[in-house]
Amino acid sequence: MTQAPAPTGAQAVRRALDVLHCFHDNAPDLSASELARRLGLATSTAHRLARTLLGAGFLEQDPRTARYRLGPAVTELGRLSYHQRGLHLAAPELADLAQRTGTTVDLALRSGPYAVIVAGGSVTPKVGLRRPLHSTALGKVLLAWPRPGESGLESLPPLHAFTDRTIVEPAQLAAELARVRAAAHAVNDGESANGVRTLAVPVLDRAESARFALAVRGTPEFVTPDRTDWFLAQARSCARALEVLLLPPAERRPAAG
């Protein structure tokens, strides 16, 4: 039987990164065979990749079960990135906004087809950090004010329906993003989960691109239409403070007159 050719250097790197991505959204410890099924690889290939990542500290292995989890090198790089981005400086502002509004507050940036929550009330051990762009207020903000080089709607995977309110047609999503830009905020009214209403605003740079999206979330009974303007005013005030904390001076918008 003809043996499959060994992957090139770039392919090997891509496969190794795919292994790490298997642990997104707080995935449990995984065996080599489970990694293989998720990635569509032979178990021997998945095992070889996992052992390489284990040796580099990007995975660690439970000696009792031989199952893999993210390793200390990932933790180290994550903490370094957190501080390099200045996100530790944002935590007090986010906590203050949450206390003033009585909502869950999250700060997210874009990673491909996802909004990744990097700080705020949803960063807990039991909750994944990735949110689809099309069904969340955070994601709509990041799509509505894209950074240079970021792909548009045509690059998104099929738009999955999470509730009967989720937008699943690209043309409808494009129209929604036009409304978001015109209103200078996004709304998720039960589109990602029933019983949730979220308002989000951009943290903009000098080029008017959203470096981050900032959201306040509660129930529809709490985040009511008559209180929307107040919640948005609080969120925008926080977003302006985050522009100063998180962006270099040359990349900040001019101070409001």
Protein backbone atom coordinates (compact mmCIF):
# COMPACT_ATOMS: atom_id res chain seq x y z
CA MET A 1 0.00 0.00 0.00
CA THR A 2 1.31 3.44 -0.93
CA GLN A 3 2.15 5.52 2.11
CA ALA A 4 0.73 9.05 2.27
CA PRO A 5 3.43 11.67 1.68
CA ALA A 6 4.73 13.45 4.75
CA PRO A 7 3.29 16.94 5.17
CA THR A 8 5.39 19.92 4.15
CA GLY A 9 6.69 22.28 6.81
CA ALA A 10 3.76 24.65 6.36
CA GLN A 11 1.26 21.79 6.45
CA ALA A 12 2.81 20.42 9.63
CA VAL A 13 2.57 23.82 11.31
CA ARG A 14 -1.05 24.16 10.18
CA ARG A 15 -1.92 20.74 11.55
CA ALA A 16 -0.23 21.48 14.86
CA LEU A 17 -2.22 24.70 15.17
CA ASP A 18 -5.39 22.79 14.30
CA VAL A 19 -4.67 20.48 17.24
CA LEU A 20 -4.49 23.47 19.59
CA HIS A 21 -7.72 24.85 18.12
CA CYS A 22 -9.48 21.64 19.17
CA PHE A 23 -9.37 22.98 22.72
CA HIS A 24 -11.33 26.14 21.94
CA ASP A 25 -14.51 26.80 23.89
CA ASN A 26 -13.23 25.04 27.00
CA ALA A 27 -13.05 21.63 25.34
CA PRO A 28 -12.40 18.78 27.79
CA ASP A 29 -9.20 16.74 27.86
CA LEU A 30 -8.92 14.87 24.57
CA SER A 31 -7.30 11.59 23.58
CA ALA A 32 -5.24 11.17 20.42
CA SER A 33 -8.11 9.27 18.80
CA GLU A 34 -10.55 12.09 19.63
CA LEU A 35 -8.16 14.65 18.18
CA ALA A 36 -7.91 12.50 15.06
CA ARG A 37 -11.71 12.36 14.65
CA ARG A 38 -12.07 16.12 15.09
CA LEU A 39 -9.34 16.84 12.54
CA GLY A 40 -10.02 14.04 10.07
CA LEU A 41 -6.52 12.61 10.52
CA ALA A 42 -5.13 9.17 11.14
CA THR A 43 -4.75 8.45 14.84
CA SER A 44 -1.02 7.91 14.38
CA THR A 45 -0.69 11.37 12.83
CA ALA A 46 -2.69 13.01 15.62
CA HIS A 47 -0.60 11.15 18.19
CA ARG A 48 2.62 12.34 16.57
CA LEU A 49 1.43 15.96 16.48
CA ALA A 50 0.27 15.81 20.09
CA ARG A 51 3.60 14.38 21.24
CA THR A 52 5.46 17.16 19.45
CA LEU A 53 3.29 19.80 21.10
CA LEU A 54 3.71 18.02 24.42
CA GLY A 55 7.48 18.23 24.12
CA ALA A 56 7.27 21.96 23.42
CA GLY A 57 4.98 22.61 26.39
CA PHE A 58 1.94 23.55 24.31
CA LEU A 59 0.08 20.46 25.53
CA GLU A 60 0.30 18.46 28.72
CA GLN A 61 -0.86 14.91 29.33
CA ASP A 62 -2.69 13.37 32.24
CA PRO A 63 -0.50 10.42 33.26
CA ARG A 64 -3.52 8.43 34.44
CA THR A 65 -5.67 8.75 31.32
CA ALA A 66 -3.09 9.73 28.64
CA ARG A 67 -5.50 12.49 27.58
CA TYR A 68 -4.23 15.90 26.49
CA ARG A 69 -5.01 19.43 27.61
CA LEU A 70 -3.47 22.83 26.86
CA GLY A 71 -0.03 23.19 28.39
CA PRO A 72 1.94 25.85 30.26
CA ALA A 73 3.41 27.42 27.11
CA VAL A 74 -0.11 28.39 26.00
CA THR A 75 -0.81 29.89 29.43
CA GLU A 76 2.43 31.86 29.31
CA LEU A 77 1.78 33.25 25.84
CA GLY A 78 -1.81 34.06 26.72
CA ARG A 79 -0.77 36.03 29.79
CA LEU A 80 1.93 37.85 27.82
CA SER A 81 -0.56 38.78 25.09
CA TYR A 82 -3.08 39.91 27.71
CA HIS A 83 -0.59 42.36 29.20
CA GLN A 84 0.96 43.42 25.90
CA ARG A 85 -2.50 44.47 24.71
CA GLY A 86 -3.00 46.39 27.97
CA LEU A 87 -6.09 44.39 28.81
CA HIS A 88 -5.18 44.36 32.50
CA LEU A 89 -5.73 48.12 32.38
CA ALA A 90 -9.25 47.62 31.02
CA ALA A 91 -10.46 45.39 33.86
CA PRO A 92 -11.30 48.22 36.32
CA GLU A 93 -13.24 50.12 33.64
CA LEU A 94 -15.23 47.03 32.72
CA ALA A 95 -15.96 46.25 36.37
CA ASP A 96 -17.13 49.82 36.95
CA LEU A 97 -19.43 49.67 33.91
CA ALA A 98 -20.89 46.37 35.12
CA GLN A 99 -21.53 47.80 38.58
CA ARG A 100 -23.14 50.99 37.25
CA THR A 101 -25.41 49.23 34.78
CA GLY A 102 -26.11 45.96 36.58
CA THR A 103 -25.27 44.05 33.40
CA THR A 104 -22.67 41.55 32.28
CA VAL A 105 -19.96 43.48 30.43
CA ASP A 106 -17.64 41.95 27.83
CA LEU A 107 -14.81 43.18 25.65
CA ALA A 108 -14.04 41.28 22.44
CA LEU A 109 -11.82 41.38 19.39
CA ARG A 110 -12.14 39.59 16.07
CA SER A 111 -10.46 36.31 15.19
CA GLY A 112 -11.59 35.07 11.78
CA PRO A 113 -15.34 34.29 11.89
CA TYR A 114 -15.53 34.78 15.66
CA ALA A 115 -15.66 37.49 18.26
CA VAL A 116 -13.27 36.40 21.00
CA ILE A 117 -14.05 37.71 24.47
CA VAL A 118 -10.78 38.84 26.04
CA ALA A 119 -12.01 40.51 29.22
CA GLY A 120 -15.19 40.92 31.21
CA GLY A 121 -17.86 38.97 33.00
CA SER A 122 -18.08 36.09 30.52
CA VAL A 123 -14.44 35.09 30.99
CA THR A 124 -15.04 32.15 33.31
CA PRO A 125 -13.59 28.63 33.44
CA LYS A 126 -16.83 27.02 32.26
CA VAL A 127 -17.68 29.26 29.33
CA GLY A 128 -15.97 29.34 25.95
CA LEU A 129 -14.66 32.67 24.73
CA ARG A 130 -15.60 32.51 21.04
CA ARG A 131 -18.88 33.89 19.72
CA PRO A 132 -20.13 33.78 16.10
CA LEU A 133 -19.95 37.17 14.44
CA HIS A 134 -23.35 37.06 12.76
CA SER A 135 -25.53 36.30 15.79
CA THR A 136 -24.00 38.55 18.45
CA ALA A 137 -23.91 42.26 19.09
CA LEU A 138 -20.16 42.04 19.65
CA GLY A 139 -19.72 40.33 16.30
CA LYS A 140 -21.91 42.78 14.42
CA VAL A 141 -19.83 45.68 15.73
CA LEU A 142 -16.61 44.02 14.62
CA LEU A 143 -18.10 43.36 11.17
CA ALA A 144 -19.55 46.86 10.84
CA TRP A 145 -16.25 48.65 11.54
CA PRO A 146 -13.66 46.24 10.08
CA ARG A 147 -9.94 46.75 10.38
CA PRO A 148 -7.84 46.98 7.19
CA GLY A 149 -7.24 43.55 5.75
CA GLU A 150 -10.09 41.86 7.58
CA SER A 151 -12.32 39.76 5.37
CA GLY A 152 -15.94 40.62 4.73
CA LEU A 153 -19.21 38.73 4.83
CA GLU A 154 -18.23 36.56 1.88
CA SER A 155 -15.60 34.84 4.04
CA LEU A 156 -17.98 33.80 6.80
CA PRO A 157 -19.06 30.16 7.07
CA PRO A 158 -22.76 29.34 6.59
CA LEU A 159 -24.80 31.43 9.02
CA HIS A 160 -26.10 29.02 11.63
CA ALA A 161 -29.47 29.66 13.31
CA PHE A 162 -29.26 29.58 17.11
CA THR A 163 -32.85 30.81 17.60
CA ASP A 164 -35.71 31.73 15.30
CA ARG A 165 -34.41 35.34 15.40
CA THR A 166 -30.91 34.60 14.11
CA ILE A 167 -30.04 36.24 10.80
CA VAL A 168 -29.04 33.47 8.39
CA GLU A 169 -29.17 35.23 5.01
CA PRO A 170 -26.06 37.20 3.94
CA ALA A 171 -28.14 39.95 2.34
CA GLN A 172 -30.11 40.43 5.55
CA LEU A 173 -26.89 40.52 7.55
CA ALA A 174 -25.47 43.16 5.21
CA ALA A 175 -28.60 45.26 5.74
CA GLU A 176 -28.30 44.76 9.51
CA LEU A 177 -24.70 45.97 9.47
CA ALA A 178 -25.76 49.10 7.59
CA ARG A 179 -28.27 49.77 10.38
CA VAL A 180 -25.56 49.14 12.97
CA ARG A 181 -23.26 51.71 11.39
CA ALA A 182 -26.05 54.25 11.09
CA ALA A 183 -27.10 53.81 14.73
CA ALA A 184 -23.49 53.54 15.99
CA HIS A 185 -24.35 50.45 18.01
CA ALA A 186 -25.48 46.85 17.59
CA VAL A 187 -28.26 44.88 19.25
CA ASN A 188 -28.60 41.15 19.86
CA ASP A 189 -32.22 40.59 20.82
CA GLY A 190 -32.48 36.86 21.36
CA GLU A 191 -30.46 36.01 18.24
CA SER A 192 -27.79 33.92 19.96
CA ALA A 193 -29.92 32.63 22.86
CA ASN A 194 -33.45 33.16 24.06
CA GLY A 195 -33.94 35.52 26.96
CA VAL A 196 -30.84 37.62 26.27
CA ARG A 197 -30.56 41.21 25.07
CA THR A 198 -27.16 42.72 24.36
CA LEU A 199 -26.08 46.20 23.28
CA ALA A 200 -22.60 46.71 21.84
CA VAL A 201 -20.51 49.69 20.75
CA PRO A 202 -17.10 49.89 19.04
CA VAL A 203 -13.80 50.89 20.60
CA LEU A 204 -12.56 52.84 17.58
CA ASP A 205 -9.11 53.90 16.47
CA ARG A 206 -8.12 56.98 14.48
CA ALA A 207 -9.00 55.21 11.23
CA GLU A 208 -12.53 54.54 12.56
CA SER A 209 -11.91 50.79 12.73
CA ALA A 210 -13.15 48.75 15.67
CA ARG A 211 -10.14 47.48 17.60
CA PHE A 212 -12.54 45.98 20.12
CA ALA A 213 -16.27 45.65 20.68
CA LEU A 214 -17.76 46.46 24.09
CA ALA A 215 -21.09 44.95 25.16
CA VAL A 216 -23.55 45.15 28.03
CA ARG A 217 -25.87 42.15 28.40
CA GLY A 218 -28.95 41.37 30.43
CA THR A 219 -32.47 40.05 30.12
CA PRO A 220 -35.07 41.80 27.96
CA GLU A 221 -36.92 42.70 31.16
CA PHE A 222 -33.84 44.58 32.41
CA VAL A 223 -32.35 46.00 29.19
CA THR A 224 -35.64 47.54 28.10
CA PRO A 225 -36.19 49.78 25.05
CA ASP A 226 -36.89 52.82 27.21
CA ARG A 227 -33.51 52.38 28.96
CA THR A 228 -31.50 51.66 25.81
CA ASP A 229 -30.19 55.20 25.39
CA TRP A 230 -28.96 55.25 28.99
CA PHE A 231 -27.18 51.91 28.64
CA LEU A 232 -25.57 53.05 25.39
CA ALA A 233 -24.39 56.32 26.95
CA GLN A 234 -22.71 54.36 29.74
CA ALA A 235 -21.11 51.93 27.27
CA ARG A 236 -19.86 54.71 24.98
CA SER A 237 -18.30 56.55 27.88
CA CYS A 238 -16.45 53.38 28.82
CA ALA A 239 -15.44 52.78 25.20
CA ARG A 240 -13.83 56.23 25.00
CA ALA A 241 -11.89 55.49 28.18
CA LEU A 242 -10.73 52.19 26.70
CA GLU A 243 -9.48 53.95 23.59
CA VAL A 244 -7.06 55.87 25.81
CA LEU A 245 -6.07 52.81 27.83
CA LEU A 246 -5.67 50.29 25.02
CA LEU A 247 -4.46 52.26 21.98
CA PRO A 248 -1.12 54.00 21.43
CA PRO A 249 -1.46 57.82 21.35
CA ALA A 250 -0.84 58.02 17.59
CA GLU A 251 -3.68 55.58 16.92
CA ARG A 252 -6.34 57.21 19.10
CA ARG A 253 -9.19 59.28 17.81
CA PRO A 254 -9.04 63.00 18.57
CA ALA A 255 -10.60 63.94 21.90
CA ALA A 256 -14.28 64.76 21.68
CA GLY A 257 -14.86 68.50 21.43
